[in-house]
PDB file of N, CA and C in Angstrom:
ATOM      1  N   UNK A   1       9.786 -16.231  26.277  1.00  0.00           N
ATOM      2  CA  UNK A   1      10.252 -15.269  26.303  1.00  0.00           C
ATOM      3  C   UNK A   1      11.808 -15.198  27.041  1.00  0.00           C
ATOM      4  N   UNK A   2      12.465 -14.518  26.195  1.00  0.00           N
ATOM      5  CA  UNK A   2      14.411 -14.257  26.690  1.00  0.00           C
ATOM      6  C   UNK A   2      14.185 -12.549  27.485  1.00  0.00           C
ATOM      7  N   UNK A   3      15.365 -12.955  28.176  1.00  0.00           N
ATOM      8  CA  UNK A   3      15.875 -10.924  28.585  1.00  0.00           C
ATOM      9  C   UNK A   3      16.527 -10.594  27.353  1.00  0.00           C
ATOM     10  N   UNK A   4      16.523  -9.962  27.424  1.00  0.00           N
ATOM     11  CA  UNK A   4      18.090  -9.249  26.384  1.00  0.00           C
ATOM     12  C   UNK A   4      17.474  -7.867  26.177  1.00  0.00           C
ATOM     13  N   UNK A   5      18.632  -7.674  26.832  1.00  0.00           N
ATOM     14  CA  UNK A   5      19.048  -5.204  27.525  1.00  0.00           C
ATOM     15  C   UNK A   5      18.166  -5.706  28.107  1.00  0.00           C
ATOM     16  N   UNK A   6      17.111  -5.995  28.583  1.00  0.00           N
ATOM     17  CA  UNK A   6      16.060  -5.701  29.499  1.00  0.00           C
ATOM     18  C   UNK A   6      14.908  -5.337  28.949  1.00  0.00           C
ATOM     19  N   UNK A   7      14.718  -5.825  27.667  1.00  0.00           N
ATOM     20  CA  UNK A   7      14.002  -6.627  26.746  1.00  0.00           C
ATOM     21  C   UNK A   7      13.128  -8.074  26.469  1.00  0.00           C
ATOM     22  N   UNK A   8      12.360  -8.240  26.940  1.00  0.00           N
ATOM     23  CA  UNK A   8      11.305  -9.462  26.447  1.00  0.00           C
ATOM     24  C   UNK A   8      11.302  -9.967  25.000  1.00  0.00           C
ATOM     25  N   UNK A   9      12.025 -10.627  24.517  1.00  0.00           N
ATOM     26  CA  UNK A   9      12.193 -11.535  23.575  1.00  0.00           C
ATOM     27  C   UNK A   9      11.455 -12.873  23.384  1.00  0.00           C
ATOM     28  N   UNK A  10      10.757 -12.418  22.258  1.00  0.00           N
ATOM     29  CA  UNK A  10      10.192 -13.723  21.647  1.00  0.00           C
ATOM     30  C   UNK A  10      11.293 -15.464  21.479  1.00  0.00           C
ATOM     31  N   UNK A  11      11.599 -16.369  22.006  1.00  0.00           N
ATOM     32  CA  UNK A  11      11.996 -17.602  21.772  1.00  0.00           C
ATOM     33  C   UNK A  11      10.965 -18.542  20.149  1.00  0.00           C
ATOM     34  N   UNK A  12      12.019 -18.115  19.245  1.00  0.00           N
ATOM     35  CA  UNK A  12      11.023 -18.718  18.247  1.00  0.00           C
ATOM     36  C   UNK A  12      10.853 -20.842  18.113  1.00  0.00           C
ATOM     37  N   UNK A  13      10.217 -20.745  18.013  1.00  0.00           N
ATOM     38  CA  UNK A  13       9.434 -22.435  17.776  1.00  0.00           C
ATOM     39  C   UNK A  13       8.492 -22.700  16.743  1.00  0.00           C
ATOM     40  N   UNK A  14       8.775 -23.861  15.713  1.00  0.00           N
ATOM     41  CA  UNK A  14       7.875 -24.571  15.134  1.00  0.00           C
ATOM     42  C   UNK A  14       7.268 -25.226  15.254  1.00  0.00           C
ATOM     43  N   UNK A  15       5.691 -24.434  15.576  1.00  0.00           N
ATOM     44  CA  UNK A  15       4.609 -25.560  15.490  1.00  0.00           C
ATOM     45  C   UNK A  15       3.583 -25.757  13.757  1.00  0.00           C
ATOM     46  N   UNK A  16       2.848 -26.876  14.558  1.00  0.00           N
ATOM     47  CA  UNK A  16       2.020 -27.032  12.931  1.00  0.00           C
ATOM     48  C   UNK A  16       1.323 -26.397  12.755  1.00  0.00           C
ATOM     49  N   UNK A  17       0.251 -26.410  11.833  1.00  0.00           N
ATOM     50  CA  UNK A  17      -0.750 -25.426  10.938  1.00  0.00           C
ATOM     51  C   UNK A  17      -2.026 -25.516  11.966  1.00  0.00           C
ATOM     52  N   UNK A  18      -1.916 -26.850  12.315  1.00  0.00           N
ATOM     53  CA  UNK A  18      -3.566 -27.126  13.746  1.00  0.00           C
ATOM     54  C   UNK A  18      -3.138 -26.283  15.010  1.00  0.00           C
ATOM     55  N   UNK A  19      -1.519 -26.348  15.732  1.00  0.00           N
ATOM     56  CA  UNK A  19      -1.160 -25.670  16.891  1.00  0.00           C
ATOM     57  C   UNK A  19      -1.522 -23.606  16.297  1.00  0.00           C
ATOM     58  N   UNK A  20      -1.677 -23.265  14.781  1.00  0.00           N
ATOM     59  CA  UNK A  20      -1.211 -22.064  15.146  1.00  0.00           C
ATOM     60  C   UNK A  20      -2.644 -21.583  15.037  1.00  0.00           C
ATOM     61  N   UNK A  21      -3.403 -22.448  14.137  1.00  0.00           N
ATOM     62  CA  UNK A  21      -4.572 -22.227  14.156  1.00  0.00           C
ATOM     63  C   UNK A  21      -5.403 -22.731  14.794  1.00  0.00           C
ATOM     64  N   UNK A  22      -5.341 -23.030  15.826  1.00  0.00           N
ATOM     65  CA  UNK A  22      -5.417 -23.015  17.471  1.00  0.00           C
ATOM     66  C   UNK A  22      -5.045 -21.520  18.400  1.00  0.00           C
ATOM     67  N   UNK A  23      -3.846 -21.662  18.363  1.00  0.00           N
ATOM     68  CA  UNK A  23      -3.501 -20.101  18.497  1.00  0.00           C
ATOM     69  C   UNK A  23      -4.058 -18.711  18.343  1.00  0.00           C
ATOM     70  N   UNK A  24      -4.934 -18.977  16.876  1.00  0.00           N
ATOM     71  CA  UNK A  24      -5.354 -17.934  16.139  1.00  0.00           C
ATOM     72  C   UNK A  24      -6.637 -17.463  17.052  1.00  0.00           C
ATOM     73  N   UNK A  25      -7.987 -18.778  17.026  1.00  0.00           N
ATOM     74  CA  UNK A  25      -8.751 -18.451  17.670  1.00  0.00           C
ATOM     75  C   UNK A  25      -8.310 -18.143  18.934  1.00  0.00           C
ATOM     76  N   UNK A  26      -7.892 -18.939  19.991  1.00  0.00           N
ATOM     77  CA  UNK A  26      -8.038 -18.269  21.271  1.00  0.00           C
ATOM     78  C   UNK A  26      -7.731 -17.509  21.542  1.00  0.00           C
ATOM     79  N   UNK A  27      -6.839 -16.698  20.550  1.00  0.00           N
ATOM     80  CA  UNK A  27      -6.127 -15.263  21.244  1.00  0.00           C
ATOM     81  C   UNK A  27      -7.627 -14.547  20.872  1.00  0.00           C
ATOM     82  N   UNK A  28      -7.884 -13.615  22.624  1.00  0.00           N
ATOM     83  CA  UNK A  28      -8.673 -12.466  22.419  1.00  0.00           C
ATOM     84  C   UNK A  28      -8.303 -11.250  21.609  1.00  0.00           C
ATOM     85  N   UNK A  29      -6.667 -11.394  20.965  1.00  0.00           N
ATOM     86  CA  UNK A  29      -6.343  -9.925  20.835  1.00  0.00           C
ATOM     87  C   UNK A  29      -6.270  -9.991  18.640  1.00  0.00           C
ATOM     88  N   UNK A  30      -6.086  -8.900  18.910  1.00  0.00           N
ATOM     89  CA  UNK A  30      -6.737  -8.250  17.424  1.00  0.00           C
ATOM     90  C   UNK A  30      -5.010  -8.883  16.116  1.00  0.00           C
ATOM     91  N   UNK A  31      -5.884  -9.537  14.629  1.00  0.00           N
ATOM     92  CA  UNK A  31      -4.587  -9.675  14.549  1.00  0.00           C
ATOM     93  C   UNK A  31      -4.299  -9.172  13.105  1.00  0.00           C
ATOM     94  N   UNK A  32      -2.619  -8.925  13.125  1.00  0.00           N
ATOM     95  CA  UNK A  32      -2.391  -8.364  12.121  1.00  0.00           C
ATOM     96  C   UNK A  32      -1.841  -8.880  10.847  1.00  0.00           C
ATOM     97  N   UNK A  33      -1.788  -8.717   9.423  1.00  0.00           N
ATOM     98  CA  UNK A  33      -1.332  -9.805   8.413  1.00  0.00           C
ATOM     99  C   UNK A  33      -0.538  -8.392   7.928  1.00  0.00           C
ATOM    100  N   UNK A  34       0.213  -9.338   7.649  1.00  0.00           N
ATOM    101  CA  UNK A  34       1.608  -8.455   5.941  1.00  0.00           C
ATOM    102  C   UNK A  34       2.430  -8.604   5.321  1.00  0.00           C
ATOM    103  N   UNK A  35       2.135  -8.595   4.493  1.00  0.00           N
ATOM    104  CA  UNK A  35       3.260  -8.539   3.002  1.00  0.00           C
ATOM    105  C   UNK A  35       4.408  -8.089   3.058  1.00  0.00           C
ATOM    106  N   UNK A  36       5.660  -8.597   3.187  1.00  0.00           N
ATOM    107  CA  UNK A  36       7.112  -7.962   2.700  1.00  0.00           C
ATOM    108  C   UNK A  36       7.531  -8.128   1.408  1.00  0.00           C
ATOM    109  N   UNK A  37       7.300  -7.020   0.076  1.00  0.00           N
ATOM    110  CA  UNK A  37       7.565  -7.303  -0.744  1.00  0.00           C
ATOM    111  C   UNK A  37       8.767  -7.689  -1.360  1.00  0.00           C
ATOM    112  N   UNK A  38       9.523  -7.220  -0.289  1.00  0.00           N
ATOM    113  CA  UNK A  38      11.233  -7.330  -0.140  1.00  0.00           C
ATOM    114  C   UNK A  38      11.392  -9.287  -0.059  1.00  0.00           C
ATOM    115  N   UNK A  39      10.365  -9.680   1.114  1.00  0.00           N
ATOM    116  CA  UNK A  39      10.462 -11.255   1.253  1.00  0.00           C
ATOM    117  C   UNK A  39       9.753 -12.197  -0.151  1.00  0.00           C
ATOM    118  N   UNK A  40       8.851 -12.002  -0.828  1.00  0.00           N
ATOM    119  CA  UNK A  40       8.105 -12.543  -1.925  1.00  0.00           C
ATOM    120  C   UNK A  40       9.298 -11.976  -3.306  1.00  0.00           C
ATOM    121  N   UNK A  41       9.911 -11.040  -3.047  1.00  0.00           N
ATOM    122  CA  UNK A  41      10.574 -11.377  -4.453  1.00  0.00           C
ATOM    123  C   UNK A  41      12.329 -11.641  -4.321  1.00  0.00           C
ATOM    124  N   UNK A  42      12.657 -11.628  -3.190  1.00  0.00           N
ATOM    125  CA  UNK A  42      13.816 -12.696  -2.571  1.00  0.00           C
ATOM    126  C   UNK A  42      14.951 -12.272  -2.629  1.00  0.00           C
ATOM    127  N   UNK A  43      15.565 -11.607  -1.493  1.00  0.00           N
ATOM    128  CA  UNK A  43      16.649 -10.243  -1.643  1.00  0.00           C
ATOM    129  C   UNK A  43      17.369 -11.271  -2.023  1.00  0.00           C
ATOM    130  N   UNK A  44      17.994 -10.729  -3.390  1.00  0.00           N
ATOM    131  CA  UNK A  44      20.054 -11.398  -4.133  1.00  0.00           C
ATOM    132  C   UNK A  44      19.412 -12.347  -5.102  1.00  0.00           C
ATOM    133  N   UNK A  45      17.951 -12.494  -5.160  1.00  0.00           N
ATOM    134  CA  UNK A  45      18.111 -13.119  -6.265  1.00  0.00           C
ATOM    135  C   UNK A  45      18.157 -12.410  -7.586  1.00  0.00           C
ATOM    136  N   UNK A  46      18.981 -12.799  -8.669  1.00  0.00           N
ATOM    137  CA  UNK A  46      19.298 -12.215  -9.952  1.00  0.00           C
ATOM    138  C   UNK A  46      17.549 -11.804 -10.345  1.00  0.00           C
ATOM    139  N   UNK A  47      17.059 -13.004 -10.706  1.00  0.00           N
ATOM    140  CA  UNK A  47      15.674 -12.778 -11.509  1.00  0.00           C
ATOM    141  C   UNK A  47      14.516 -13.099 -10.550  1.00  0.00           C
ATOM    142  N   UNK A  48      13.540 -13.131 -10.463  1.00  0.00           N
ATOM    143  CA  UNK A  48      12.189 -13.856  -9.763  1.00  0.00           C
ATOM    144  C   UNK A  48      11.343 -14.129 -11.016  1.00  0.00           C
ATOM    145  N   UNK A  49      11.001 -15.707 -10.407  1.00  0.00           N
ATOM    146  CA  UNK A  49      10.124 -16.214 -12.020  1.00  0.00           C
ATOM    147  C   UNK A  49       9.012 -16.488 -11.405  1.00  0.00           C
ATOM    148  N   UNK A  50       8.382 -16.755 -12.746  1.00  0.00           N
ATOM    149  CA  UNK A  50       6.581 -16.841 -11.365  1.00  0.00           C
ATOM    150  C   UNK A  50       6.434 -17.761 -10.713  1.00  0.00           C
ATOM    151  N   UNK A  51       7.200 -19.247 -10.880  1.00  0.00           N
ATOM    152  CA  UNK A  51       7.110 -20.600 -10.109  1.00  0.00           C
ATOM    153  C   UNK A  51       8.269 -20.503  -8.642  1.00  0.00           C
ATOM    154  N   UNK A  52       8.852 -19.350  -8.721  1.00  0.00           N
ATOM    155  CA  UNK A  52       8.704 -19.418  -7.211  1.00  0.00           C
ATOM    156  C   UNK A  52       8.166 -17.889  -6.495  1.00  0.00           C
ATOM    157  N   UNK A  53       7.593 -17.459  -7.346  1.00  0.00           N
ATOM    158  CA  UNK A  53       6.383 -16.587  -6.725  1.00  0.00           C
ATOM    159  C   UNK A  53       5.311 -16.658  -6.480  1.00  0.00           C
ATOM    160  N   UNK A  54       4.470 -17.657  -7.190  1.00  0.00           N
ATOM    161  CA  UNK A  54       3.329 -18.503  -6.754  1.00  0.00           C
ATOM    162  C   UNK A  54       3.905 -19.535  -6.170  1.00  0.00           C
ATOM    163  N   UNK A  55       4.860 -19.876  -4.951  1.00  0.00           N
ATOM    164  CA  UNK A  55       5.600 -19.663  -4.022  1.00  0.00           C
ATOM    165  C   UNK A  55       5.043 -19.658  -3.104  1.00  0.00           C
ATOM    166  N   UNK A  56       6.254 -18.334  -3.191  1.00  0.00           N
ATOM    167  CA  UNK A  56       6.056 -17.197  -1.827  1.00  0.00           C
ATOM    168  C   UNK A  56       4.767 -16.821  -1.563  1.00  0.00           C
ATOM    169  N   UNK A  57       3.482 -16.882  -2.611  1.00  0.00           N
ATOM    170  CA  UNK A  57       2.300 -16.119  -2.723  1.00  0.00           C
ATOM    171  C   UNK A  57       1.625 -17.570  -1.893  1.00  0.00           C
ATOM    172  N   UNK A  58       2.020 -18.264  -1.614  1.00  0.00           N
ATOM    173  CA  UNK A  58       1.178 -20.282  -1.278  1.00  0.00           C
ATOM    174  C   UNK A  58       1.107 -20.152  -0.249  1.00  0.00           C
ATOM    175  N   UNK A  59       0.827 -18.562   0.019  1.00  0.00           N
ATOM    176  CA  UNK A  59      -0.031 -19.201   1.438  1.00  0.00           C
ATOM    177  C   UNK A  59      -1.279 -19.359   2.612  1.00  0.00           C
ATOM    178  N   UNK A  60      -2.317 -19.598   1.535  1.00  0.00           N
ATOM    179  CA  UNK A  60      -3.698 -19.042   1.575  1.00  0.00           C
ATOM    180  C   UNK A  60      -4.288 -20.047   2.992  1.00  0.00           C
ATOM    181  N   UNK A  61      -3.360 -21.506   2.755  1.00  0.00           N
ATOM    182  CA  UNK A  61      -3.709 -22.155   4.318  1.00  0.00           C
ATOM    183  C   UNK A  61      -2.949 -20.566   5.779  1.00  0.00           C
ATOM    184  N   UNK A  62      -2.155 -20.249   5.678  1.00  0.00           N
ATOM    185  CA  UNK A  62      -2.104 -19.427   6.404  1.00  0.00           C
ATOM    186  C   UNK A  62      -3.470 -19.126   7.259  1.00  0.00           C
ATOM    187  N   UNK A  63      -3.218 -18.013   6.153  1.00  0.00           N
ATOM    188  CA  UNK A  63      -4.269 -16.835   5.818  1.00  0.00           C
ATOM    189  C   UNK A  63      -5.821 -17.417   6.333  1.00  0.00           C
ATOM    190  N   UNK A  64      -6.285 -18.654   5.668  1.00  0.00           N
ATOM    191  CA  UNK A  64      -7.665 -19.080   6.069  1.00  0.00           C
ATOM    192  C   UNK A  64      -7.768 -19.356   7.069  1.00  0.00           C
ATOM    193  N   UNK A  65      -6.367 -19.082   8.704  1.00  0.00           N
ATOM    194  CA  UNK A  65      -6.286 -19.382   9.495  1.00  0.00           C
ATOM    195  C   UNK A  65      -7.185 -18.062  11.114  1.00  0.00           C
ATOM    196  N   UNK A  66      -6.646 -16.846   9.905  1.00  0.00           N
ATOM    197  CA  UNK A  66      -6.779 -15.992  10.202  1.00  0.00           C
ATOM    198  C   UNK A  66      -8.460 -15.125   9.812  1.00  0.00           C
ATOM    199  N   UNK A  67      -9.968 -15.685  10.352  1.00  0.00           N
ATOM    200  CA  UNK A  67     -10.801 -14.851   9.563  1.00  0.00           C
ATOM    201  C   UNK A  67     -11.558 -14.236   9.959  1.00  0.00           C
ATOM    202  N   UNK A  68     -11.050 -13.627  10.334  1.00  0.00           N
ATOM    203  CA  UNK A  68     -10.947 -11.372  10.314  1.00  0.00           C
ATOM    204  C   UNK A  68      -9.864 -10.859  10.552  1.00  0.00           C
ATOM    205  N   UNK A  69      -8.741 -10.529  10.315  1.00  0.00           N
ATOM    206  CA  UNK A  69      -8.462 -10.189  10.706  1.00  0.00           C
ATOM    207  C   UNK A  69      -7.746  -8.603  10.490  1.00  0.00           C
ATOM    208  N   UNK A  70      -7.903  -7.407  11.990  1.00  0.00           N
ATOM    209  CA  UNK A  70      -7.847  -6.503  11.820  1.00  0.00           C
ATOM    210  C   UNK A  70      -7.534  -5.376  10.769  1.00  0.00           C
ATOM    211  N   UNK A  71      -6.273  -5.657  10.226  1.00  0.00           N
ATOM    212  CA  UNK A  71      -5.876  -5.043   9.697  1.00  0.00           C
ATOM    213  C   UNK A  71      -4.658  -5.215   8.439  1.00  0.00           C
ATOM    214  N   UNK A  72      -4.615  -4.750   7.281  1.00  0.00           N
ATOM    215  CA  UNK A  72      -3.817  -5.917   6.534  1.00  0.00           C
ATOM    216  C   UNK A  72      -2.350  -4.732   6.366  1.00  0.00           C
ATOM    217  N   UNK A  73      -1.607  -5.505   5.620  1.00  0.00           N
ATOM    218  CA  UNK A  73      -0.540  -3.877   5.167  1.00  0.00           C
ATOM    219  C   UNK A  73       0.392  -4.780   4.465  1.00  0.00           C
ATOM    220  N   UNK A  74       1.020  -3.802   3.929  1.00  0.00           N
ATOM    221  CA  UNK A  74       2.112  -4.747   2.420  1.00  0.00           C
ATOM    222  C   UNK A  74       3.100  -3.960   2.856  1.00  0.00           C
ATOM    223  N   UNK A  75       4.836  -3.902   2.504  1.00  0.00           N
ATOM    224  CA  UNK A  75       5.544  -2.818   2.853  1.00  0.00           C
ATOM    225  C   UNK A  75       6.306  -3.491   1.309  1.00  0.00           C
ATOM    226  N   UNK A  76       6.453  -1.808   1.004  1.00  0.00           N
ATOM    227  CA  UNK A  76       6.868  -2.144  -0.268  1.00  0.00           C
ATOM    228  C   UNK A  76       7.901  -1.710  -0.320  1.00  0.00           C
ATOM    229  N   UNK A  77       9.221  -2.233  -1.532  1.00  0.00           N
ATOM    230  CA  UNK A  77      10.381  -2.075  -1.782  1.00  0.00           C
ATOM    231  C   UNK A  77      11.011   0.011  -1.689  1.00  0.00           C
ATOM    232  N   UNK A  78      11.917   0.597  -0.248  1.00  0.00           N
ATOM    233  CA  UNK A  78      12.248   1.868  -0.879  1.00  0.00           C
ATOM    234  C   UNK A  78      13.294   2.837  -0.734  1.00  0.00           C
ATOM    235  N   UNK A  79      12.791   3.475  -0.983  1.00  0.00           N
ATOM    236  CA  UNK A  79      15.125   4.012  -1.505  1.00  0.00           C
ATOM    237  C   UNK A  79      14.783   4.594   0.228  1.00  0.00           C
ATOM    238  N   UNK A  80      16.101   4.777  -0.098  1.00  0.00           N
ATOM    239  CA  UNK A  80      17.294   4.617  -1.131  1.00  0.00           C
ATOM    240  C   UNK A  80      17.325   3.354  -0.837  1.00  0.00           C
ATOM    241  N   UNK A  81      17.162   1.691  -0.203  1.00  0.00           N
ATOM    242  CA  UNK A  81      17.492   0.303   0.153  1.00  0.00           C
ATOM    243  C   UNK A  81      16.233   0.043  -0.498  1.00  0.00           C
ATOM    244  N   UNK A  82      16.414  -0.398  -1.914  1.00  0.00           N
ATOM    245  CA  UNK A  82      16.064  -1.119  -2.191  1.00  0.00           C
ATOM    246  C   UNK A  82      16.266  -2.446  -3.075  1.00  0.00           C
ATOM    247  N   UNK A  83      15.382  -3.514  -2.837  1.00  0.00           N
ATOM    248  CA  UNK A  83      15.551  -4.890  -2.741  1.00  0.00           C
ATOM    249  C   UNK A  83      14.746  -5.850  -4.193  1.00  0.00           C
ATOM    250  N   UNK A  84      13.577  -4.514  -4.290  1.00  0.00           N
ATOM    251  CA  UNK A  84      12.744  -5.010  -5.187  1.00  0.00           C
ATOM    252  C   UNK A  84      13.273  -3.799  -6.925  1.00  0.00           C
ATOM    253  N   UNK A  85      13.317  -4.689  -7.968  1.00  0.00           N
ATOM    254  CA  UNK A  85      13.231  -3.701  -9.313  1.00  0.00           C
ATOM    255  C   UNK A  85      12.173  -2.864  -9.039  1.00  0.00           C
ATOM    256  N   UNK A  86      12.345  -2.201  -9.404  1.00  0.00           N
ATOM    257  CA  UNK A  86      11.188  -1.002  -9.890  1.00  0.00           C
ATOM    258  C   UNK A  86       9.772  -1.059 -10.396  1.00  0.00           C
ATOM    259  N   UNK A  87      10.060  -1.987 -11.411  1.00  0.00           N
ATOM    260  CA  UNK A  87       9.079  -2.669 -12.485  1.00  0.00           C
ATOM    261  C   UNK A  87       8.582  -3.865 -11.600  1.00  0.00           C
ATOM    262  N   UNK A  88       8.785  -4.706 -10.375  1.00  0.00           N
ATOM    263  CA  UNK A  88       8.711  -5.373  -9.616  1.00  0.00           C
ATOM    264  C   UNK A  88       6.841  -5.395  -8.809  1.00  0.00           C
ATOM    265  N   UNK A  89       7.902  -3.712  -8.494  1.00  0.00           N
ATOM    266  CA  UNK A  89       6.915  -3.601  -7.250  1.00  0.00           C
ATOM    267  C   UNK A  89       5.490  -3.925  -7.061  1.00  0.00           C
ATOM    268  N   UNK A  90       4.670  -2.900  -8.463  1.00  0.00           N
ATOM    269  CA  UNK A  90       3.778  -2.903  -8.370  1.00  0.00           C
ATOM    270  C   UNK A  90       2.407  -4.698  -8.395  1.00  0.00           C
ATOM    271  N   UNK A  91       3.741  -4.636  -9.372  1.00  0.00           N
ATOM    272  CA  UNK A  91       2.927  -6.541 -10.262  1.00  0.00           C
ATOM    273  C   UNK A  91       3.114  -7.549  -8.188  1.00  0.00           C
ATOM    274  N   UNK A  92       3.823  -7.339  -7.942  1.00  0.00           N
ATOM    275  CA  UNK A  92       4.338  -7.973  -6.801  1.00  0.00           C
ATOM    276  C   UNK A  92       2.997  -7.558  -5.777  1.00  0.00           C
ATOM    277  N   UNK A  93       3.051  -6.328  -5.287  1.00  0.00           N
ATOM    278  CA  UNK A  93       1.339  -5.551  -4.510  1.00  0.00           C
ATOM    279  C   UNK A  93       0.230  -5.970  -4.942  1.00  0.00           C
ATOM    280  N   UNK A  94       0.183  -5.383  -6.570  1.00  0.00           N
ATOM    281  CA  UNK A  94      -0.796  -6.402  -7.060  1.00  0.00           C
ATOM    282  C   UNK A  94      -1.653  -8.469  -6.640  1.00  0.00           C
ATOM    283  N   UNK A  95      -0.296  -8.533  -6.724  1.00  0.00           N
ATOM    284  CA  UNK A  95      -0.792 -10.167  -6.839  1.00  0.00           C
ATOM    285  C   UNK A  95      -0.494 -10.526  -5.019  1.00  0.00           C
ATOM    286  N   UNK A  96      -0.466  -9.202  -4.470  1.00  0.00           N
ATOM    287  CA  UNK A  96      -0.802  -9.747  -2.820  1.00  0.00           C
ATOM    288  C   UNK A  96      -2.081  -9.157  -2.163  1.00  0.00           C
ATOM    289  N   UNK A  97      -2.424  -8.075  -2.778  1.00  0.00           N
ATOM    290  CA  UNK A  97      -3.988  -7.511  -2.736  1.00  0.00           C
ATOM    291  C   UNK A  97      -4.567  -8.912  -3.429  1.00  0.00           C
ATOM    292  N   UNK A  98      -4.264  -9.012  -4.480  1.00  0.00           N
ATOM    293  CA  UNK A  98      -5.400  -9.967  -5.235  1.00  0.00           C
ATOM    294  C   UNK A  98      -5.605 -10.942  -4.238  1.00  0.00           C
ATOM    295  N   UNK A  99      -4.715 -11.599  -3.472  1.00  0.00           N
ATOM    296  CA  UNK A  99      -4.928 -13.192  -2.207  1.00  0.00           C
ATOM    297  C   UNK A  99      -5.089 -12.406  -1.313  1.00  0.00           C
ATOM    298  N   UNK A 100      -5.286 -11.451  -1.151  1.00  0.00           N
ATOM    299  CA  UNK A 100      -6.090 -10.942   0.136  1.00  0.00           C
ATOM    300  C   UNK A 100      -7.083 -10.699  -0.145  1.00  0.00           C
ATOM    301  N   UNK A 101      -7.349 -10.499  -1.019  1.00  0.00           N
ATOM    302  CA  UNK A 101      -9.186 -10.562  -1.206  1.00  0.00           C
ATOM    303  C   UNK A 101      -9.331 -12.215  -1.326  1.00  0.00           C
ATOM    304  N   UNK A 102      -8.922 -12.182  -1.960  1.00  0.00           N
ATOM    305  CA  UNK A 102      -9.785 -13.935  -2.411  1.00  0.00           C
ATOM    306  C   UNK A 102      -9.650 -14.118  -1.484  1.00  0.00           C
ATOM    307  N   UNK A 103      -9.149 -14.745  -0.955  1.00  0.00           N
ATOM    308  CA  UNK A 103      -9.373 -14.898   1.014  1.00  0.00           C
ATOM    309  C   UNK A 103     -10.590 -14.212   2.222  1.00  0.00           C
ATOM    310  N   UNK A 104     -10.453 -12.703   2.189  1.00  0.00           N
ATOM    311  CA  UNK A 104     -11.248 -12.132   2.431  1.00  0.00           C
ATOM    312  C   UNK A 104     -11.997 -11.558   2.326  1.00  0.00           C
ATOM    313  N   UNK A 105     -13.039 -11.619   0.777  1.00  0.00           N
ATOM    314  CA  UNK A 105     -14.014 -10.564   0.405  1.00  0.00           C
ATOM    315  C   UNK A 105     -15.020 -11.674   0.645  1.00  0.00           C
TER     316      UNK A 105
END
């Protein structure tokens, strides 16, 4: 942790999947998972293709570390700052929802 403007801010670091899994298992706090559709689509990309979307949604190993999330959320693009084309929002939301159902059903 570091202090910036009187607030504690975590210092980012790289960890292995095993370290991540251990942190989740040993944590006494509830775990929340979230999907940001802007991140899945890719801000600044002219057109998302299927291969790229599959790669970005390929987070099964990470989700499997979280045996029972307390909450799952999906952040859709909202106006006035919309990064995901309107016609892709429902498609991406369905893909994220299907992934969550596949892992936790």
